[in-house]
Amino acid sequence: MNIAVMVNLRARRGSERIGGMVQRFFPRARLALTRSLEEARTWISEQLRPNPPTLLLAGGGDGTITGLLNELRLQGVALPAIGVLPLGTGNAWARVTGAPRPAVALRQLAACGERLPPLRPFSLVRLENRVAPFAGTGWDSEALQDFKDHLSTFPAGPLREANAGLRGYMSALFTRTIPRHLFGKGQLQVKVYNLGAPALTVDEHGLVVPLPHGETGALLYEGPVGVAGAATTTEWGFGFKAFPFAQAVPHRLSVRVYGAGVTEATLNMRRLWRGHHPMPKMHDFFVERLRMDFDRDVPFQMGGDIMGLRRSLEFDLAEESVQLVDWRQLQRLVA
C-alpha cells in the first residue's frame, strides 16, 4: 500500500512515540509529525499532492480529522481511505469505527500486507464549503468552548491531563454551560426549513417514514431549541450518541432539533447520552439540505472545532464521501 501518516503532536495523546511505532511497522510510509495546520498544509502540498496515498492514517481527534479532510479538498487531492488513530479527546469517528489504541491498530494494519483493510463509507455534512462528520449549535457548541476555557485554567501537567477528558467536559458543562442557561437569556428560538427533496422522519418505533408536510421549502420546525445539528455519524464524541439514526437513510443528513429547556435536558441527560428514542421534544429529520434561522447569534461547531457566531446556518450533503478503516471488521479478519 501507498501509506501516509500524520500525527498531530498537539492532540491530547499525540507524541513522537507514535511516530516511532509507525516507522517500525511501516518503514516506507510518509510520516509527518505536525504541531499546526500550517505544517500539515505544507506536508500535503509537498508530499501528498504529487503522489496521493491509497491509505492515510490520521492521529488526532475529530478536529484533526476534519481539518485534514478540508485541507485535502482545498488542495484538490482526492480523498484517500482514512484510518483514524484515536489520539484526541472526543474521538467520535474513532469510536464509531472501533479504532483500538495506536499500537494495536498499526499491528492489525501490518497484518494486511499490501492489501487495503476493510473500509466503511461515510457521507459528509457540508456547511459554508467545509465538510465534517457532524456540525451544529446550541449547548454542545457552548459546552465545547466552556470545556476548552475550563482546561486552560490548569497548568500543563497531571492536573490538566486529568481534566482533559470526559471528567473535564462534564465539569465545564455543570459549572459553566448549564448555570449560564439557568440564569441567562431566554431560550433560543429557531425556524428550520427543508431546501431539498421531501423530508423523512422516524416514528415512535424507530422506523423511517415520510414526514407529513415535509415537502421542498416547507417549515419543518419552529420553536425553542437547546441543541440543533446535522450528522452522518451517530456520535458527537465521548460516546454521546447524539444522532442514533445517522446512516439509517443513505444519502441523507440526519438532523436533530431538541426543544427542551436546560432543566429538562439535565434530568434526561443519561437517556440523551445513550441515544434513547423516543424522547419528548426531540425532532428527527432526514434531508438533503436545510436551513436553520435563529432569533439571535449562536456559536456553531464543525467536527469538534468552534467556528464562530452565526444567525443562520445552511447544511447540505457534500458531494464527496470518505472511506474509513473499519477497525472492528479488520480485527475479526486478523483474528
Protein backbone atom coordinates (compact mmCIF):
# COMPACT_ATOMS: atom_id res chain seq x y z
CA MET A 1 0.00 0.00 0.00
CA ASN A 2 0.98 3.61 -0.55
CA ILE A 3 0.65 4.78 3.06
CA ALA A 4 0.96 8.25 4.53
CA VAL A 5 0.64 9.03 8.24
CA MET A 6 0.04 12.33 10.01
CA VAL A 7 0.25 12.60 13.80
CA ASN A 8 -0.95 15.78 15.49
CA LEU A 9 1.53 16.35 18.30
CA ARG A 10 -0.87 18.85 19.88
CA ALA A 11 -3.64 16.26 20.21
CA ARG A 12 -4.26 15.01 23.73
CA ARG A 13 -2.30 11.77 23.20
CA GLY A 14 -0.18 12.84 20.25
CA SER A 15 3.54 12.17 20.70
CA GLU A 16 6.71 11.39 18.80
CA ARG A 17 6.46 7.89 20.27
CA ILE A 18 3.52 7.26 17.92
CA GLY A 19 5.77 8.28 15.02
CA GLY A 20 8.33 5.73 16.17
CA MET A 21 5.66 3.00 16.14
CA VAL A 22 4.69 3.95 12.60
CA GLN A 23 8.28 3.72 11.40
CA ARG A 24 8.66 0.26 12.95
CA PHE A 25 5.53 -1.16 11.34
CA PHE A 26 5.62 0.82 8.07
CA PRO A 27 9.20 1.92 7.34
CA ARG A 28 8.26 3.11 3.82
CA ALA A 29 5.31 5.26 4.95
CA ARG A 30 5.48 9.03 4.53
CA LEU A 31 5.28 10.34 8.08
CA ALA A 32 4.51 13.84 9.33
CA LEU A 33 4.58 14.92 12.97
CA THR A 34 2.78 18.27 12.99
CA ARG A 35 2.09 20.98 15.55
CA SER A 36 0.00 23.33 13.41
CA LEU A 37 -2.37 23.45 10.46
CA GLU A 38 0.32 25.27 8.50
CA GLU A 39 2.73 22.36 8.94
CA ALA A 40 0.03 19.91 7.85
CA ARG A 41 -0.80 22.13 4.86
CA THR A 42 2.83 22.19 3.73
CA TRP A 43 3.16 18.41 4.09
CA ILE A 44 0.05 17.82 2.00
CA SER A 45 1.28 20.23 -0.69
CA GLU A 46 4.81 18.82 -0.90
CA GLN A 47 4.24 15.14 -0.16
CA LEU A 48 0.67 14.10 -0.88
CA ARG A 49 -0.49 16.25 -3.78
CA PRO A 50 2.25 14.99 -6.20
CA ASN A 51 1.67 11.36 -5.15
CA PRO A 52 -1.69 10.80 -3.37
CA PRO A 53 -1.70 7.90 -0.89
CA THR A 54 -4.11 4.98 -1.05
CA LEU A 55 -4.34 4.97 2.76
CA LEU A 56 -3.89 7.95 5.07
CA LEU A 57 -3.59 7.33 8.80
CA ALA A 58 -4.58 10.35 10.87
CA GLY A 59 -3.58 10.52 14.51
CA GLY A 60 -5.59 13.07 16.47
CA GLY A 61 -9.12 13.98 17.46
CA ASP A 62 -12.19 14.90 15.43
CA GLY A 63 -10.86 18.40 14.82
CA THR A 64 -7.64 16.95 13.39
CA ILE A 65 -9.50 14.66 11.00
CA THR A 66 -11.93 17.37 9.93
CA GLY A 67 -9.12 19.84 9.29
CA LEU A 68 -7.21 17.24 7.29
CA LEU A 69 -10.22 16.45 5.09
CA ASN A 70 -10.83 20.11 4.33
CA GLU A 71 -7.19 20.80 3.52
CA LEU A 72 -7.11 17.83 1.11
CA ARG A 73 -10.23 19.20 -0.60
CA LEU A 74 -8.78 22.69 -0.76
CA GLN A 75 -5.62 21.46 -2.44
CA GLY A 76 -7.51 19.27 -4.91
CA VAL A 77 -6.27 15.96 -3.53
CA ALA A 78 -8.75 13.09 -3.97
CA LEU A 79 -9.80 11.81 -0.55
CA PRO A 80 -7.94 8.56 0.17
CA ALA A 81 -9.08 5.83 2.52
CA ILE A 82 -8.51 7.12 6.05
CA GLY A 83 -7.65 5.23 9.20
CA VAL A 84 -8.39 7.16 12.39
CA LEU A 85 -5.91 6.71 15.24
CA PRO A 86 -7.63 7.85 18.47
CA LEU A 87 -5.28 10.45 19.94
CA GLY A 88 -7.78 13.24 20.64
CA THR A 89 -10.38 14.00 23.30
CA GLY A 90 -13.85 13.22 21.94
CA ASN A 91 -12.77 10.75 19.22
CA ALA A 92 -16.24 10.37 17.69
CA TRP A 93 -15.15 8.83 14.38
CA ALA A 94 -12.62 6.62 16.14
CA ARG A 95 -15.32 5.26 18.44
CA VAL A 96 -17.81 4.69 15.63
CA THR A 97 -15.28 2.73 13.58
CA GLY A 98 -14.00 0.79 16.60
CA ALA A 99 -10.43 2.11 16.49
CA PRO A 100 -8.15 0.41 19.07
CA ARG A 101 -5.13 2.06 20.67
CA PRO A 102 -2.47 3.00 18.09
CA ALA A 103 -0.07 0.12 18.79
CA VAL A 104 -2.84 -2.43 18.21
CA ALA A 105 -4.18 -0.57 15.17
CA LEU A 106 -0.78 -0.47 13.48
CA ARG A 107 -0.15 -4.14 14.20
CA GLN A 108 -3.50 -5.10 12.68
CA LEU A 109 -2.87 -2.96 9.60
CA ALA A 110 0.55 -4.51 9.11
CA ALA A 111 -1.12 -7.93 9.02
CA CYS A 112 -2.95 -6.84 5.83
CA GLY A 113 0.32 -6.79 3.90
CA GLU A 114 -0.17 -4.89 0.66
CA ARG A 115 -3.97 -5.09 0.73
CA LEU A 116 -6.27 -2.31 1.84
CA PRO A 117 -8.05 -3.07 5.12
CA PRO A 118 -11.87 -3.30 5.26
CA LEU A 119 -13.45 0.10 4.70
CA ARG A 120 -16.72 1.72 5.74
CA PRO A 121 -18.21 4.61 3.74
CA PHE A 122 -19.33 7.84 5.41
CA SER A 123 -21.11 10.77 3.82
CA LEU A 124 -20.17 14.27 4.97
CA VAL A 125 -22.04 17.34 6.21
CA ARG A 126 -21.21 20.48 4.24
CA LEU A 127 -21.51 23.92 5.79
CA GLU A 128 -20.00 27.11 4.36
CA ASN A 129 -17.99 24.99 1.89
CA ARG A 130 -16.37 22.97 4.67
CA VAL A 131 -17.10 19.32 5.42
CA ALA A 132 -17.30 17.39 8.67
CA PRO A 133 -18.93 14.25 10.14
CA PHE A 134 -21.17 16.48 12.28
CA ALA A 135 -21.95 20.15 12.79
CA GLY A 136 -24.37 22.08 14.92
CA THR A 137 -25.16 24.68 17.51
CA GLY A 138 -26.62 25.06 20.97
CA TRP A 139 -25.44 23.67 24.28
CA ASP A 140 -22.96 21.34 22.58
CA SER A 141 -21.08 24.25 20.99
CA GLU A 142 -21.17 26.26 24.21
CA ALA A 143 -20.10 23.25 26.28
CA LEU A 144 -17.21 22.61 23.90
CA GLN A 145 -15.96 26.19 24.29
CA ASP A 146 -16.55 26.05 28.04
CA PHE A 147 -14.55 22.81 28.19
CA LYS A 148 -11.61 24.44 26.41
CA ASP A 149 -11.83 27.50 28.67
CA HIS A 150 -12.03 25.25 31.73
CA LEU A 151 -8.99 23.27 30.61
CA SER A 152 -6.96 26.44 30.07
CA THR A 153 -7.27 27.26 33.79
CA PHE A 154 -4.99 24.33 34.66
CA PRO A 155 -1.21 24.48 34.19
CA ALA A 156 0.39 21.86 31.97
CA GLY A 157 0.88 18.66 33.92
CA PRO A 158 -1.04 15.84 35.63
CA LEU A 159 -3.94 18.01 36.83
CA ARG A 160 -4.60 19.35 33.34
CA GLU A 161 -4.32 15.86 31.87
CA ALA A 162 -6.82 14.56 34.43
CA ASN A 163 -9.34 17.17 33.24
CA ALA A 164 -8.67 16.76 29.52
CA GLY A 165 -11.27 14.04 29.02
CA LEU A 166 -14.89 13.36 29.95
CA ARG A 167 -14.32 14.44 33.55
CA GLY A 168 -13.30 17.94 32.48
CA TYR A 169 -16.09 18.14 29.90
CA MET A 170 -18.75 17.29 32.46
CA SER A 171 -17.25 19.72 34.97
CA ALA A 172 -17.42 22.54 32.41
CA LEU A 173 -20.98 21.56 31.48
CA PHE A 174 -22.27 21.69 35.07
CA THR A 175 -20.26 24.67 36.31
CA ARG A 176 -20.42 26.91 33.23
CA THR A 177 -22.85 25.93 30.46
CA ILE A 178 -25.90 24.87 32.48
CA PRO A 179 -25.77 27.73 35.04
CA ARG A 180 -25.45 30.27 32.22
CA HIS A 181 -28.69 28.98 30.69
CA LEU A 182 -30.50 28.76 34.02
CA PHE A 183 -29.82 32.41 34.85
CA GLY A 184 -29.15 33.94 31.44
CA LYS A 185 -31.21 34.93 28.40
CA GLY A 186 -34.48 33.28 27.43
CA GLN A 187 -34.42 30.08 25.40
CA LEU A 188 -33.15 30.29 21.85
CA GLN A 189 -35.77 30.12 19.05
CA VAL A 190 -35.26 28.56 15.61
CA LYS A 191 -37.05 28.05 12.29
CA VAL A 192 -35.98 25.01 10.26
CA TYR A 193 -36.66 24.93 6.51
CA ASN A 194 -36.31 21.99 4.13
CA LEU A 195 -34.42 23.05 1.00
CA GLY A 196 -34.08 19.63 -0.66
CA ALA A 197 -36.16 16.58 -1.52
CA PRO A 198 -39.20 15.80 0.69
CA ALA A 199 -38.06 15.13 4.24
CA LEU A 200 -38.32 11.85 6.12
CA THR A 201 -38.52 11.21 9.86
CA VAL A 202 -38.65 8.30 12.33
CA ASP A 203 -41.77 7.10 14.11
CA GLU A 204 -42.01 6.11 17.76
CA HIS A 205 -40.72 2.63 16.87
CA GLY A 206 -37.63 3.98 15.10
CA LEU A 207 -38.92 3.21 11.60
CA VAL A 208 -38.17 5.67 8.78
CA VAL A 209 -41.38 7.22 7.40
CA PRO A 210 -42.27 10.22 5.20
CA LEU A 211 -42.64 13.46 7.15
CA PRO A 212 -46.15 14.92 6.73
CA HIS A 213 -45.94 18.34 5.09
CA GLY A 214 -42.17 17.94 4.67
CA GLU A 215 -42.03 18.95 1.01
CA THR A 216 -39.35 21.16 -0.51
CA GLY A 217 -39.46 24.64 1.03
CA ALA A 218 -41.56 23.50 4.00
CA LEU A 219 -41.11 24.85 7.51
CA LEU A 220 -40.16 21.66 9.37
CA TYR A 221 -39.98 23.13 12.86
CA GLU A 222 -40.49 26.45 14.62
CA GLY A 223 -39.97 26.92 18.32
CA PRO A 224 -37.49 26.70 21.19
CA VAL A 225 -34.20 24.88 20.72
CA GLY A 226 -31.45 23.72 23.03
CA VAL A 227 -29.37 21.75 20.55
CA ALA A 228 -29.66 21.56 16.75
CA GLY A 229 -27.38 19.94 14.24
CA ALA A 230 -26.76 17.58 11.36
CA ALA A 231 -24.54 14.50 11.13
CA THR A 232 -23.62 11.45 9.09
CA THR A 233 -22.26 9.57 12.11
CA THR A 234 -24.02 8.51 15.29
CA GLU A 235 -21.67 10.01 17.86
CA TRP A 236 -20.70 13.53 18.91
CA GLY A 237 -17.68 12.49 20.99
CA PHE A 238 -17.17 10.92 24.44
CA GLY A 239 -19.59 8.14 23.47
CA PHE A 240 -22.53 10.58 23.27
CA LYS A 241 -24.96 9.09 20.70
CA ALA A 242 -26.36 12.44 19.64
CA PHE A 243 -27.55 11.11 16.25
CA PRO A 244 -28.64 7.50 16.81
CA PHE A 245 -30.32 7.30 13.38
CA ALA A 246 -27.40 8.60 11.32
CA GLN A 247 -26.84 6.37 8.25
CA ALA A 248 -30.37 4.95 8.58
CA VAL A 249 -31.18 6.61 5.24
CA PRO A 250 -28.41 6.56 2.62
CA HIS A 251 -27.53 9.89 1.00
CA ARG A 252 -29.39 11.92 3.65
CA LEU A 253 -28.28 14.03 6.58
CA SER A 254 -29.56 13.04 9.99
CA VAL A 255 -30.86 16.26 11.57
CA ARG A 256 -31.99 16.64 15.17
CA VAL A 257 -33.62 19.57 16.94
CA TYR A 258 -34.11 19.29 20.70
CA GLY A 259 -36.61 21.76 22.05
CA ALA A 260 -36.47 21.12 25.80
CA GLY A 261 -35.14 23.62 28.32
CA VAL A 262 -31.89 23.13 30.19
CA THR A 263 -33.54 21.77 33.36
CA GLU A 264 -35.47 19.07 31.47
CA ALA A 265 -32.39 18.23 29.40
CA THR A 266 -30.26 17.84 32.52
CA LEU A 267 -32.79 15.46 34.08
CA ASN A 268 -32.81 13.42 30.84
CA MET A 269 -29.05 13.55 30.25
CA ARG A 270 -28.44 9.82 30.64
CA ARG A 271 -31.15 8.95 28.10
CA LEU A 272 -29.93 11.63 25.70
CA TRP A 273 -26.36 10.37 26.01
CA ARG A 274 -27.41 6.83 25.11
CA GLY A 275 -29.50 7.93 22.12
CA HIS A 276 -32.79 6.81 23.66
CA HIS A 277 -35.84 7.02 21.37
CA PRO A 278 -38.47 8.39 21.51
CA MET A 279 -37.67 11.47 23.57
CA PRO A 280 -40.16 14.27 24.34
CA LYS A 281 -39.41 17.43 22.31
CA MET A 282 -36.84 15.66 20.11
CA HIS A 283 -37.41 16.15 16.38
CA ASP A 284 -35.67 13.96 13.78
CA PHE A 285 -35.42 14.70 10.06
CA PHE A 286 -33.63 13.10 7.13
CA VAL A 287 -32.89 15.69 4.47
CA GLU A 288 -30.55 16.55 1.63
CA ARG A 289 -30.37 20.22 2.53
CA LEU A 290 -31.91 22.58 5.08
CA ARG A 291 -31.57 25.99 6.70
CA MET A 292 -31.84 27.00 10.35
CA ASP A 293 -32.68 30.63 11.20
CA PHE A 294 -32.18 31.69 14.83
CA ASP A 295 -33.53 34.69 16.71
CA ARG A 296 -30.01 35.73 17.80
CA ASP A 297 -26.38 34.97 17.00
CA VAL A 298 -25.31 31.49 18.09
CA PRO A 299 -21.93 29.69 18.24
CA PHE A 300 -21.57 26.68 15.99
CA GLN A 301 -19.07 23.87 15.71
CA MET A 302 -17.92 21.52 12.95
CA GLY A 303 -16.27 18.24 13.84
CA GLY A 304 -15.48 19.49 17.33
CA ASP A 305 -14.00 22.86 16.33
CA ILE A 306 -15.72 26.14 17.23
CA MET A 307 -16.29 28.14 14.02
CA GLY A 308 -17.73 31.42 15.31
CA LEU A 309 -21.16 33.06 15.59
CA ARG A 310 -23.99 32.88 13.05
CA ARG A 311 -27.69 33.77 12.95
CA SER A 312 -28.45 31.45 10.03
CA LEU A 313 -26.89 28.10 9.07
CA GLU A 314 -27.40 26.15 5.85
CA PHE A 315 -26.46 22.47 5.86
CA ASP A 316 -26.32 20.12 2.90
CA LEU A 317 -24.95 16.72 1.96
CA ALA A 318 -21.46 17.03 0.49
CA GLU A 319 -20.79 15.62 -2.96
CA GLU A 320 -17.77 13.75 -1.61
CA SER A 321 -17.81 10.86 0.79
CA VAL A 322 -14.95 9.26 2.68
CA GLN A 323 -13.94 5.64 3.24
CA LEU A 324 -12.79 4.97 6.80
CA VAL A 325 -10.95 1.89 8.02
CA ASP A 326 -13.47 -0.41 9.68
CA TRP A 327 -11.36 -1.45 12.66
CA ARG A 328 -13.94 -3.88 14.02
CA GLN A 329 -14.06 -5.84 10.79
CA LEU A 330 -10.28 -5.70 10.49
CA GLN A 331 -9.94 -7.13 14.00
CA ARG A 332 -12.18 -10.05 13.06
CA LEU A 333 -10.18 -10.71 9.91
CA VAL A 334 -6.87 -10.61 11.76
CA ALA A 335 -8.24 -12.91 14.47
